[in-house]
Amino acid sequence: MLEKGKISGLQMTCIFYGSVVSTYWLTMPSTTDKIVGRDSWMTPIFSCLISYLIVYVVYKLSMLYPGQTPIEYIPRIIGKWPGKIVGLSFLLYLLHVVSVTTHEFVDLINAKYLPFTPFIIILLPLILLSGYMVRQGVEVLGRFSFITIFYWIFVFILYVFLTIPDMDIHNLFPVMEHGFTPQIKGVLLNHGWSAQAVFLSFMIPFLNKGSKKLLWGIGAVSFVAFDLVAAIIVPKMIYGTIMPDIAYPVLAAGEIIKIADFLEHIDLLIMADWIILYFVKMSFYIYILSLGTAQLTKLPAYRPIVFPICILISAISLFSIGKFSDTKRFLEFVYPYYAILPNEIIPILLLIIAWVRTKGKRGENNLP
């Protein structure tokens, strides 16, 4: 086994939280509100039903192939070479996604806070530190995620509490004004994020013995869904119908906070929180790419290829991604459909095939 480290269920939840929330909070609240309208805050609740399904699929696969990641058990399900092709396709998909989201995140820092700083100067420290984290193993990533959760909770409570005076609950009514149809559109838009539960399959094999894997997976998804509801409902109650016109509504809600003449610029705390969360996300994705590539190519260790993968992500982010408007258009119109195959269809098909093969083997063993 290339990874001998172990993490707890709570650490897995913290890693998953950072990997989803860090980028969803950027532009998805305004994009979701643009599609769904007044009831956009309900969309993550319905979207998490997809997450529960994927968690169940991932859990059952992990039970059928204990201690193995998808890169290892896919060839056992559909054959060596088809399995390698599917595994390679998944890694290329993940490489593209992390490159796009990295560009989106660094572009935010560049535009809002460091407009005269070259893009590469912001990108390199973030990605190299993530690479260093990955080289320490999954245990270090889990511990770091757990330690920083206290800061995440502090900023979240502060953000919600201090924006209460600017909220107007009437912006949420009437509920279901246009029926359930807008929610269907919202779920289709958000399922790319909700189906990221498939990445739990790269952490479940390394959970401590005795961990209730299914319960922790459901808990991780529920925790993220609660946070995504807050990401939409708070700016929605503040900005109402103009929320779709705001590029970063969560950050904008933090910018208006001002208590007397001494407490303001809370958006800087939110930005610091995002940087920590995205650091967790990037580290986790680089970890999957490094471990998966090593398993796919039968390398004896994954650590030597961590920094080459970091350089590859940097190059794609720097030279192959367009402007902010292009990134937002990709996340709004392309990514929801782009993610269906690797995040949902393939895992479900793998489980069906694995079940059929398992029952077939049992039937053969029972023959006289």
Protein backbone atom coordinates (compact mmCIF):
# COMPACT_ATOMS: atom_id res chain seq x y z
CA MET A 1 0.00 0.00 0.00
CA LEU A 2 1.41 3.40 -1.03
CA GLU A 3 -0.33 5.23 1.83
CA LYS A 4 -0.02 3.81 5.34
CA GLY A 5 -1.49 6.78 7.21
CA LYS A 6 -4.88 6.75 8.90
CA ILE A 7 -7.45 9.48 9.56
CA SER A 8 -10.55 9.71 11.71
CA GLY A 9 -14.10 10.19 10.46
CA LEU A 10 -14.08 13.77 11.77
CA GLN A 11 -10.86 14.53 9.89
CA MET A 12 -12.40 13.11 6.71
CA THR A 13 -15.40 15.41 7.24
CA CYS A 14 -13.10 18.43 7.63
CA ILE A 15 -11.18 17.60 4.44
CA PHE A 16 -14.38 17.10 2.47
CA TYR A 17 -15.84 20.33 3.86
CA GLY A 18 -12.83 22.33 2.69
CA SER A 19 -12.78 20.67 -0.72
CA VAL A 20 -16.40 21.65 -1.50
CA VAL A 21 -17.11 24.87 0.38
CA SER A 22 -13.92 26.73 -0.59
CA THR A 23 -15.01 27.22 -4.20
CA TYR A 24 -18.79 27.00 -3.87
CA TRP A 25 -18.89 30.15 -1.74
CA LEU A 26 -17.20 32.17 -4.49
CA THR A 27 -19.69 32.49 -7.35
CA MET A 28 -22.24 29.66 -6.99
CA PRO A 29 -24.62 31.52 -4.62
CA SER A 30 -25.26 34.26 -7.20
CA THR A 31 -25.34 31.75 -10.08
CA THR A 32 -27.84 29.54 -8.24
CA ASP A 33 -30.02 32.54 -7.38
CA LYS A 34 -29.97 33.59 -11.02
CA ILE A 35 -31.34 30.20 -12.10
CA VAL A 36 -33.67 29.35 -9.20
CA GLY A 37 -34.73 32.76 -7.92
CA ARG A 38 -36.25 33.40 -4.50
CA ASP A 39 -36.03 29.76 -3.38
CA SER A 40 -32.35 29.34 -4.23
CA TRP A 41 -31.48 28.77 -0.57
CA MET A 42 -33.39 25.48 -0.69
CA THR A 43 -31.36 24.09 -3.58
CA PRO A 44 -28.46 22.63 -1.51
CA ILE A 45 -31.02 20.72 0.59
CA PHE A 46 -32.40 18.93 -2.46
CA SER A 47 -28.94 18.59 -4.04
CA CYS A 48 -27.61 16.72 -1.02
CA LEU A 49 -29.95 13.84 -1.91
CA ILE A 50 -27.59 13.18 -4.81
CA SER A 51 -24.70 13.31 -2.36
CA TYR A 52 -26.36 10.70 -0.14
CA LEU A 53 -26.74 8.40 -3.12
CA ILE A 54 -23.08 8.79 -4.10
CA VAL A 55 -21.98 8.25 -0.49
CA TYR A 56 -23.93 4.99 -0.43
CA VAL A 57 -22.38 3.88 -3.75
CA VAL A 58 -18.87 4.76 -2.58
CA TYR A 59 -19.45 3.00 0.74
CA LYS A 60 -20.68 -0.22 -0.88
CA LEU A 61 -17.72 -0.26 -3.26
CA SER A 62 -15.35 0.23 -0.34
CA MET A 63 -16.98 -2.74 1.42
CA LEU A 64 -16.59 -4.92 -1.67
CA TYR A 65 -12.95 -3.86 -2.11
CA PRO A 66 -11.71 -2.92 1.38
CA GLY A 67 -8.58 -0.80 1.70
CA GLN A 68 -8.54 0.11 -2.00
CA THR A 69 -9.09 3.37 -3.85
CA PRO A 70 -11.08 3.53 -7.12
CA ILE A 71 -7.86 3.49 -9.16
CA GLU A 72 -7.11 0.09 -7.63
CA TYR A 73 -10.52 -1.57 -7.74
CA ILE A 74 -11.83 -0.32 -11.09
CA PRO A 75 -9.54 -2.74 -13.05
CA ARG A 76 -10.78 -5.56 -10.83
CA ILE A 77 -14.38 -4.72 -11.78
CA ILE A 78 -14.18 -4.10 -15.54
CA GLY A 79 -10.80 -5.56 -16.49
CA LYS A 80 -7.20 -4.39 -16.50
CA TRP A 81 -6.99 -2.16 -19.58
CA PRO A 82 -10.55 -0.76 -19.55
CA GLY A 83 -9.99 -0.07 -15.85
CA LYS A 84 -6.76 1.78 -16.53
CA ILE A 85 -8.45 3.89 -19.22
CA VAL A 86 -11.30 4.81 -16.86
CA GLY A 87 -8.83 5.55 -14.06
CA LEU A 88 -6.70 7.73 -16.32
CA SER A 89 -9.79 9.57 -17.58
CA PHE A 90 -10.85 10.32 -14.01
CA LEU A 91 -7.40 11.69 -13.12
CA LEU A 92 -7.36 13.89 -16.24
CA TYR A 93 -10.82 15.17 -15.34
CA LEU A 94 -9.67 15.99 -11.81
CA LEU A 95 -6.53 17.70 -13.16
CA HIS A 96 -8.67 19.95 -15.33
CA VAL A 97 -11.14 20.75 -12.55
CA VAL A 98 -8.47 21.66 -10.00
CA SER A 99 -6.71 23.84 -12.59
CA VAL A 100 -9.93 25.75 -13.36
CA THR A 101 -10.86 26.26 -9.71
CA THR A 102 -7.30 27.31 -8.89
CA HIS A 103 -7.45 29.95 -11.58
CA GLU A 104 -10.85 31.11 -10.27
CA PHE A 105 -9.58 31.42 -6.71
CA VAL A 106 -6.30 33.16 -7.52
CA ASP A 107 -8.18 35.49 -9.88
CA LEU A 108 -10.38 36.58 -6.95
CA ILE A 109 -7.35 37.43 -4.80
CA ASN A 110 -5.75 39.19 -7.74
CA ALA A 111 -8.82 41.28 -8.54
CA LYS A 112 -10.00 42.17 -5.03
CA TYR A 113 -6.89 42.52 -2.92
CA LEU A 114 -3.65 42.33 -4.94
CA PRO A 115 -4.45 43.94 -8.31
CA PHE A 116 -0.84 44.82 -9.13
CA THR A 117 0.64 41.47 -8.12
CA PRO A 118 1.44 39.06 -10.97
CA PHE A 119 -0.83 36.04 -11.10
CA ILE A 120 2.09 33.62 -10.76
CA ILE A 121 3.32 35.26 -7.54
CA ILE A 122 -0.01 34.47 -5.83
CA LEU A 123 -0.31 31.02 -7.37
CA LEU A 124 3.11 29.53 -6.62
CA PRO A 125 3.19 29.87 -2.79
CA LEU A 126 -0.30 28.38 -2.52
CA ILE A 127 0.40 25.40 -4.75
CA LEU A 128 3.91 24.69 -3.44
CA LEU A 129 2.70 24.72 0.16
CA SER A 130 -0.08 22.36 -0.86
CA GLY A 131 2.50 20.08 -2.45
CA TYR A 132 4.56 20.12 0.73
CA MET A 133 1.45 19.19 2.72
CA VAL A 134 0.70 16.26 0.41
CA ARG A 135 4.23 14.92 0.76
CA GLN A 136 3.65 14.62 4.52
CA GLY A 137 0.82 12.16 3.96
CA VAL A 138 -2.93 11.96 4.54
CA GLU A 139 -2.54 12.01 8.34
CA VAL A 140 -0.99 15.49 8.29
CA LEU A 141 -3.68 16.73 5.92
CA GLY A 142 -6.35 15.34 8.24
CA ARG A 143 -4.82 16.92 11.34
CA PHE A 144 -4.40 20.30 9.67
CA SER A 145 -8.02 20.27 8.47
CA PHE A 146 -9.24 19.38 11.95
CA ILE A 147 -7.18 22.09 13.69
CA THR A 148 -8.36 24.83 11.34
CA ILE A 149 -12.04 23.91 11.69
CA PHE A 150 -12.21 26.04 14.83
CA TYR A 151 -11.26 29.10 12.79
CA TRP A 152 -13.82 28.17 10.14
CA ILE A 153 -16.58 27.92 12.77
CA PHE A 154 -15.52 31.22 14.39
CA VAL A 155 -15.64 33.14 11.10
CA PHE A 156 -18.94 31.49 10.11
CA ILE A 157 -20.65 32.46 13.39
CA LEU A 158 -19.21 35.98 13.27
CA TYR A 159 -20.32 36.41 9.65
CA VAL A 160 -23.91 35.26 10.30
CA PHE A 161 -24.31 37.13 13.60
CA LEU A 162 -22.97 40.48 12.35
CA THR A 163 -25.06 40.48 9.17
CA ILE A 164 -28.37 40.00 11.05
CA PRO A 165 -29.12 43.78 11.22
CA ASP A 166 -28.97 43.99 7.41
CA MET A 167 -31.14 40.95 6.77
CA ASP A 168 -34.74 41.11 5.63
CA ILE A 169 -36.52 37.77 5.90
CA HIS A 170 -39.22 39.00 3.50
CA ASN A 171 -36.72 38.46 0.68
CA LEU A 172 -37.34 34.71 1.12
CA PHE A 173 -41.10 34.88 0.67
CA PRO A 174 -43.29 33.61 -0.85
CA VAL A 175 -41.78 30.13 -0.67
CA MET A 176 -42.15 27.96 -3.78
CA GLU A 177 -43.74 30.84 -5.65
CA HIS A 178 -43.12 29.15 -9.01
CA GLY A 179 -43.48 25.56 -7.86
CA PHE A 180 -40.79 22.89 -7.88
CA THR A 181 -39.56 23.41 -11.45
CA PRO A 182 -36.88 26.02 -10.53
CA GLN A 183 -35.50 23.58 -7.93
CA ILE A 184 -35.00 20.94 -10.62
CA LYS A 185 -32.92 23.45 -12.57
CA GLY A 186 -31.03 24.35 -9.41
CA VAL A 187 -30.24 20.73 -8.60
CA LEU A 188 -28.95 20.21 -12.15
CA LEU A 189 -26.76 23.27 -11.71
CA ASN A 190 -25.47 22.24 -8.26
CA HIS A 191 -25.08 18.52 -8.70
CA GLY A 192 -21.49 18.98 -9.87
CA TRP A 193 -20.72 20.08 -6.31
CA SER A 194 -23.05 17.67 -4.53
CA ALA A 195 -21.63 14.71 -6.47
CA GLN A 196 -18.13 15.55 -5.26
CA ALA A 197 -19.00 13.03 -2.55
CA VAL A 198 -17.32 10.58 -4.93
CA PHE A 199 -13.97 11.90 -3.69
CA LEU A 200 -14.71 10.35 -0.30
CA SER A 201 -13.72 7.08 -1.99
CA PHE A 202 -10.09 8.24 -1.72
CA MET A 203 -10.40 8.74 2.06
CA ILE A 204 -12.61 5.87 3.22
CA PRO A 205 -9.80 3.27 2.72
CA PHE A 206 -7.66 5.20 5.21
CA LEU A 207 -10.24 5.62 7.98
CA ASN A 208 -9.30 4.28 11.39
CA LYS A 209 -10.50 0.81 12.28
CA GLY A 210 -13.93 0.85 13.85
CA SER A 211 -15.01 4.06 12.08
CA LYS A 212 -18.60 3.97 10.90
CA LYS A 213 -17.83 4.83 7.31
CA LEU A 214 -21.37 5.26 6.02
CA LEU A 215 -22.45 7.43 8.95
CA TRP A 216 -19.38 9.65 8.65
CA GLY A 217 -19.95 9.99 4.91
CA ILE A 218 -23.58 11.03 5.45
CA GLY A 219 -22.47 13.39 8.22
CA ALA A 220 -19.86 15.01 6.00
CA VAL A 221 -22.43 15.62 3.25
CA SER A 222 -25.00 17.00 5.71
CA PHE A 223 -22.46 19.36 7.27
CA VAL A 224 -21.52 20.72 3.83
CA ALA A 225 -25.20 21.07 2.80
CA PHE A 226 -25.92 23.15 5.92
CA ASP A 227 -23.02 25.45 5.09
CA LEU A 228 -24.09 25.84 1.45
CA VAL A 229 -27.58 26.86 2.58
CA ALA A 230 -26.01 29.58 4.72
CA ALA A 231 -23.84 30.67 1.77
CA ILE A 232 -27.02 31.51 -0.15
CA ILE A 233 -29.56 32.47 2.49
CA VAL A 234 -27.48 35.18 4.21
CA PRO A 235 -26.70 37.30 1.12
CA LYS A 236 -30.20 36.55 -0.22
CA MET A 237 -31.82 38.13 2.84
CA ILE A 238 -29.50 41.12 2.44
CA TYR A 239 -29.55 41.78 -1.31
CA GLY A 240 -32.84 40.22 -2.37
CA THR A 241 -33.49 40.31 -6.12
CA ILE A 242 -30.17 42.00 -7.00
CA MET A 243 -28.11 39.09 -5.68
CA PRO A 244 -27.57 37.52 -9.15
CA ASP A 245 -25.79 40.72 -10.23
CA ILE A 246 -23.17 40.43 -7.48
CA ALA A 247 -20.08 38.41 -8.46
CA TYR A 248 -19.09 37.37 -4.92
CA PRO A 249 -22.21 37.81 -2.75
CA VAL A 250 -20.78 36.19 0.40
CA LEU A 251 -17.79 38.50 0.30
CA ALA A 252 -20.02 41.48 -0.48
CA ALA A 253 -22.16 40.70 2.58
CA GLY A 254 -19.02 40.71 4.72
CA GLU A 255 -17.92 44.06 3.29
CA ILE A 256 -21.02 45.89 4.54
CA ILE A 257 -20.49 44.83 8.16
CA LYS A 258 -19.60 47.81 10.33
CA ILE A 259 -19.99 47.97 14.10
CA ALA A 260 -19.49 51.52 15.45
CA ASP A 261 -16.16 52.83 14.12
CA PHE A 262 -13.85 50.04 15.13
CA LEU A 263 -15.17 46.73 13.71
CA GLU A 264 -15.25 46.52 9.93
CA HIS A 265 -13.52 44.82 6.98
CA ILE A 266 -14.86 41.45 8.13
CA ASP A 267 -14.46 40.40 4.50
CA LEU A 268 -10.72 40.06 5.19
CA LEU A 269 -11.47 37.37 7.80
CA ILE A 270 -13.72 35.63 5.27
CA MET A 271 -10.97 35.83 2.67
CA ALA A 272 -8.45 34.37 5.11
CA ASP A 273 -10.94 31.58 5.81
CA TRP A 274 -11.30 30.91 2.09
CA ILE A 275 -7.53 30.74 1.65
CA ILE A 276 -7.28 28.09 4.37
CA LEU A 277 -10.21 26.15 2.92
CA TYR A 278 -8.81 26.28 -0.59
CA PHE A 279 -5.42 25.20 0.73
CA VAL A 280 -7.17 22.09 2.07
CA LYS A 281 -9.00 21.59 -1.24
CA MET A 282 -5.90 21.92 -3.37
CA SER A 283 -3.88 19.67 -1.06
CA PHE A 284 -6.59 17.02 -1.20
CA TYR A 285 -6.88 17.14 -4.98
CA ILE A 286 -3.11 17.02 -5.43
CA TYR A 287 -3.07 14.08 -3.04
CA ILE A 288 -5.66 12.21 -5.14
CA LEU A 289 -3.79 12.99 -8.34
CA SER A 290 -0.43 11.91 -6.90
CA LEU A 291 -1.68 8.75 -5.21
CA GLY A 292 -3.90 7.83 -8.16
CA THR A 293 -1.12 8.34 -10.72
CA ALA A 294 1.28 6.23 -8.65
CA GLN A 295 -1.30 3.46 -8.32
CA LEU A 296 -2.17 3.61 -12.02
CA THR A 297 1.46 3.37 -13.14
CA LYS A 298 2.54 0.94 -10.37
CA LEU A 299 5.10 3.34 -8.91
CA PRO A 300 6.62 2.33 -5.55
CA ALA A 301 5.76 5.72 -3.97
CA TYR A 302 3.61 8.75 -4.76
CA ARG A 303 5.65 11.47 -3.04
CA PRO A 304 8.28 11.90 -5.84
CA ILE A 305 5.59 12.94 -8.33
CA VAL A 306 3.82 15.46 -6.08
CA PHE A 307 5.75 18.56 -7.18
CA PRO A 308 5.71 17.65 -10.90
CA ILE A 309 1.91 17.48 -10.62
CA CYS A 310 1.94 20.87 -8.85
CA ILE A 311 3.93 22.35 -11.74
CA LEU A 312 1.49 20.84 -14.25
CA ILE A 313 -1.51 22.34 -12.42
CA SER A 314 0.24 25.73 -12.32
CA ALA A 315 0.97 25.63 -16.04
CA ILE A 316 -2.62 24.74 -16.96
CA SER A 317 -4.01 27.41 -14.61
CA LEU A 318 -1.65 30.04 -15.94
CA PHE A 319 -1.78 29.45 -19.67
CA SER A 320 -4.93 27.50 -20.52
CA ILE A 321 -7.69 29.27 -18.58
CA GLY A 322 -9.35 32.45 -19.78
CA LYS A 323 -10.73 35.44 -17.89
CA PHE A 324 -13.08 35.41 -14.89
CA SER A 325 -16.12 35.59 -17.18
CA ASP A 326 -14.91 32.48 -19.04
CA THR A 327 -14.37 30.59 -15.79
CA LYS A 328 -17.81 31.55 -14.48
CA ARG A 329 -19.42 30.53 -17.79
CA PHE A 330 -17.66 27.16 -17.58
CA LEU A 331 -18.85 26.57 -14.00
CA GLU A 332 -22.41 27.63 -14.89
CA PHE A 333 -23.00 26.00 -18.28
CA VAL A 334 -20.37 23.28 -18.72
CA TYR A 335 -19.28 21.84 -15.38
CA PRO A 336 -22.75 20.58 -14.26
CA TYR A 337 -22.88 18.29 -17.31
CA TYR A 338 -19.13 17.69 -17.45
CA ALA A 339 -19.22 16.17 -13.94
CA ILE A 340 -22.12 13.76 -14.52
CA LEU A 341 -20.06 10.93 -16.03
CA PRO A 342 -17.08 10.74 -13.61
CA ASN A 343 -18.93 11.77 -10.44
CA GLU A 344 -22.20 9.89 -10.80
CA ILE A 345 -22.73 7.56 -13.77
CA ILE A 346 -19.40 5.70 -13.60
CA PRO A 347 -19.52 4.99 -9.82
CA ILE A 348 -23.13 3.74 -10.08
CA LEU A 349 -22.28 1.52 -13.08
CA LEU A 350 -19.22 0.18 -11.25
CA LEU A 351 -21.33 -0.80 -8.27
CA ILE A 352 -23.91 -2.53 -10.47
CA ILE A 353 -21.19 -4.48 -12.32
CA ALA A 354 -19.44 -5.34 -9.06
CA TRP A 355 -22.71 -6.63 -7.56
CA VAL A 356 -23.42 -8.76 -10.65
CA ARG A 357 -19.91 -10.20 -10.64
CA THR A 358 -20.04 -10.91 -6.91
CA LYS A 359 -23.36 -12.73 -7.20
CA GLY A 360 -22.06 -14.64 -10.21
CA LYS A 361 -19.04 -15.86 -8.25
CA ARG A 362 -21.25 -16.92 -5.35
CA GLY A 363 -23.45 -18.84 -7.75
CA GLU A 364 -20.44 -20.65 -9.23
CA ASN A 365 -19.18 -21.55 -5.76
CA ASN A 366 -22.56 -23.11 -4.93
CA LEU A 367 -22.53 -25.38 -8.00
CA PRO A 368 -22.11 -29.07 -7.22
